[in-house]
Amino acid sequence: MTDSSLMLAMDERVITLTEMACNGTLDAEGYIQLDELLSLDRSYKKLYLEYVLLHAELHSMANDSTPEIVKFRSRKKFFTKKRVSEMLFGLSACLVLMVVVFDSFRSGGMPFQTDSLEPEMIIGTTGQHSVDAIWQVNDTPNATIISVGKNVVVDQGLVEIKYSNGMNVVAMGPCSFSIPSADRIELKSGIVRATMKQKLEKFSVVTKMLEVVDLGTQFFVQAHPNGDATAVVTEGRCGVRTVSQMRRNEPLKSLFVGCGVRVDHDDELKFVDGGTTRAFLESIGSEVLEFEMKLRSVSPMIRVVNCTPTNLDEKFRSKSNRIYLIPEKQDLVLNEPLVVKNHQTNQDITLPAGVALSSYLVHFAPASTPKKAGDNFDGIQMKASGSVVFDQPVLALIGDLPGMMQTDNLLGNANTGYATGPERSMDYDDRVNISDIELNRVDLMLNTHTERLDQVRIILGPKAAN
C-alpha cells in the first residue's frame, strides 16, 4: 500500500466514523477509534469538523419542505422546527469547534494550520497477530495505526507491523520499542524480526549497545534489559556495529546469512558460531515462522526453520535432534498438470493445472556422533515423532527419491542444494501419514541414523484439487 493510498483510506475511515456519530449509530468501540484518529493528525480534526457542519446544513435543507409552526410563549411566533434544528446543530458544531481549538492550544499549536506544522507521519498498520497477542501503541490498547514518534509495547504474543513501503516487522512479546523515524526502530527489550524488500536499504534496529543496518535482507534482533543484544541474519546480509562505534561514525561490519553476533557489557562485537545461531533459529525463529506461515499446530519435536541458501543434506542437522519443517514455495500456480506418487498410498495422483500449491520439506538429520580412528559404522539409530496441522488440506506426500528430485526445481527453494543420494528417501520403518480425520494434519514417526537423513515433501492445496 502506498503512502497516498494509506492516507486516502484513513480519510475515508474518519468520514465513515463521523457519519455514524452524526446519525447516532456509532458504538463505544467506534468512538474510541474516532478519538484515536483525530489525535493522529490535525487534518483529520479539520475533516471531522467540516463533515459535522455539512451534515447540519444538509439536515437543515431537508427540513425546508415541512415548515411546521411550533408555538412558544412569546410574542414572536416565528420559531419553526427547521430553525430549532439549525440552532441545535449550530450549537453542536460550535461545541465541537471549541473542543478542537482547546485541544490544539493545549498541545501548543494553532488549529488547522497544517501547512506550518509537521503532521504525524503514518508509516503503516498492524497486520496479523497471534490469538493471545496483547499490545499497546502510546497506551492505546490494540491500536492499528503506526506512526512516527509512537511507542509500541507487546505484552504477549506476536504482532506484525506492515509498513506502507512493503517492509515488515514482527514483534514477539514481551517487547518494547519506539519509532523515531520511518527507517529506524529503537528496541528497548524483547525480539523483533525485520524483513525488507531487495530495493529497500538502510533501515536500522538500534538497541542500547548494538546497531543493525539492513542491506536488503531479513534479520532478528534481541535486546535484553541489561543492555546485551544479539542479531542473526536469515536472508541476505546486514551491517552491524556497537552503539559506541556508531557515535564515533566507524564503518559497519558485514554480517551474512546464517551468521550471528552479540554484544554485552564489554561493548565489543562477538561473532557467534553456527551451532549457537542454529539454536537461536530453532527456538525464536521457529516460533515466528510458525506464526507467519499460519500453522495451526506444531509438535514440540518439530521446528520450523528457513534454509535459504544452503545444502539440505545430512550436514544440515539439528544438535537437539529435532525434525525440521522447511517452508518451500507457497501459492505456486501450476501451469500444467503434475503427476506424483503419493507416499501414503504408493499410487500416482494428478494435480491439475491452475491449482495453487504450497510445499514444505520434512528434514530429519540427527546430530553426528564422533568417530574414533578405524570405526566403521553408520552411526547411532535415532527416532523422532510429532505432528503438524496446516492451514490447508494435504494433497500428497512425496517420500521417494525420484519424486522429490522431480519436484525440487518446481516446488523447492531457489539457491538451495538438495541431496541426490539414496539416503534422502524414506525408509521402510518410517511412518508419514495424512490423518483420516483432519485432512490438513500430517503425523510423523521417523527412524534414521546419525550419519544419514530422512526427507519427505508435503504438498498442500485446495481440497477439490485432490
Foldseek 3Di string as FASTA:
>chain_A
DAQVVVVVVLLVLLLVLLVCVVVVNHDPVSVLLNVVSCVQWLVSLVSSLVSLVVVLVVVLVVCPVPFDFDDDPDPDRPDTPSVVSSVVSVVVSVVSVVVQQVVQVVVPHGHPPPVVDPGWAWFFFKDDWDPPWWKDKQNHTPGTTDTAFIKIAIAATKIWTATNVGKIKIFGPRWIWHHNDNQEIETAFGKMKIAFAQVDWQRWYHYQWKIKTGNHFIKMKGAHNQGKIKMATATAKIWMATVVCVVVVHDTDIDGHQWMWIADPVSDIDTDDNLVSVVCCQPVVQVVVCVVQVWPDWDPLEGEGEPPAEEQFLVPAHAVQGKYKYWWDFQDFAQAKDWAQFPVVRHIDIQGGGWGKTKIKIKGAYAADDDDPPDDDQADKDKDKIKTFHPFFWDGKHFALVRCVVCCVPTGHPNYHYDRDRLAGADPPWDWDQDPVRRRMIITIGMDHNNGMYMMMIMGTHPVRD
